Amino acid sequence: LMAFQELIMQLRETKVSKYVVRDTPMIVCVYKGVEDIIKSLG
């Protein structure tokens, strides 16, 4: 997941990116159920 986000950030810094008409933001995440979210909070 972090590697994918890093790739997107690198592509946005290339010379070609200044010719892109619209750069749609990407939100990268992992789906978790409510119980899993509560457990991950500690």
C-alpha atoms as a PDB file:
ATOM      1  CA  LEU A   1       0.000   0.000   0.000  1.00  0.00           C
ATOM      2  CA  MET A   2       2.774   2.422   0.913  1.00  0.00           C
ATOM      3  CA  ALA A   3       4.738   1.409  -2.213  1.00  0.00           C
ATOM      4  CA  PHE A   4       1.725   2.207  -4.414  1.00  0.00           C
ATOM      5  CA  GLN A   5       1.288   5.611  -2.819  1.00  0.00           C
ATOM      6  CA  GLU A   6       5.015   6.293  -3.231  1.00  0.00           C
ATOM      7  CA  LEU A   7       4.725   5.413  -6.933  1.00  0.00           C
ATOM      8  CA  ILE A   8       1.826   7.839  -7.409  1.00  0.00           C
ATOM      9  CA  MET A   9       3.784  10.624  -5.703  1.00  0.00           C
ATOM     10  CA  GLN A  10       6.824   9.938  -7.910  1.00  0.00           C
ATOM     11  CA  LEU A  11       4.706  10.018 -11.073  1.00  0.00           C
ATOM     12  CA  ARG A  12       3.249  13.379 -10.071  1.00  0.00           C
ATOM     13  CA  GLU A  13       6.780  14.822  -9.950  1.00  0.00           C
ATOM     14  CA  THR A  14       7.718  13.820 -13.534  1.00  0.00           C
ATOM     15  CA  LYS A  15       8.115  16.246 -16.447  1.00  0.00           C
ATOM     16  CA  VAL A  16       5.080  14.754 -18.201  1.00  0.00           C
ATOM     17  CA  SER A  17       2.817  15.575 -15.243  1.00  0.00           C
ATOM     18  CA  LYS A  18       2.856  19.288 -16.091  1.00  0.00           C
ATOM     19  CA  TYR A  19       0.944  18.443 -19.293  1.00  0.00           C
ATOM     20  CA  VAL A  20      -1.833  16.609 -17.434  1.00  0.00           C
ATOM     21  CA  VAL A  21      -5.094  18.563 -17.637  1.00  0.00           C
ATOM     22  CA  ARG A  22      -6.642  17.208 -14.452  1.00  0.00           C
ATOM     23  CA  ASP A  23      -4.907  15.330 -11.655  1.00  0.00           C
ATOM     24  CA  THR A  24      -7.600  13.535  -9.716  1.00  0.00           C
ATOM     25  CA  PRO A  25      -6.546  12.951  -6.094  1.00  0.00           C
ATOM     26  CA  MET A  26      -6.306   9.312  -5.044  1.00  0.00           C
ATOM     27  CA  ILE A  27      -7.204   8.170  -1.571  1.00  0.00           C
ATOM     28  CA  VAL A  28      -5.531   4.855  -0.872  1.00  0.00           C
ATOM     29  CA  CYS A  29      -6.901   2.861   2.043  1.00  0.00           C
ATOM     30  CA  VAL A  30      -7.695  -0.578   3.409  1.00  0.00           C
ATOM     31  CA  TYR A  31     -11.243  -1.639   4.226  1.00  0.00           C
ATOM     32  CA  LYS A  32     -11.817  -2.749   7.821  1.00  0.00           C
ATOM     33  CA  GLY A  33     -14.961  -3.647   9.684  1.00  0.00           C
ATOM     34  CA  VAL A  34     -16.026  -1.615  12.721  1.00  0.00           C
ATOM     35  CA  GLU A  35     -14.829  -4.281  15.167  1.00  0.00           C
ATOM     36  CA  ASP A  36     -11.381  -4.400  13.537  1.00  0.00           C
ATOM     37  CA  ILE A  37     -11.100  -0.608  13.685  1.00  0.00           C
ATOM     38  CA  ILE A  38     -11.955  -0.583  17.393  1.00  0.00           C
ATOM     39  CA  LYS A  39      -9.435  -3.371  18.069  1.00  0.00           C
ATOM     40  CA  SER A  40      -6.694  -1.495  16.189  1.00  0.00           C
ATOM     41  CA  LEU A  41      -7.186   1.544  18.441  1.00  0.00           C
ATOM     42  CA  GLY A  42      -5.776  -0.438  21.333  1.00  0.00           C
END
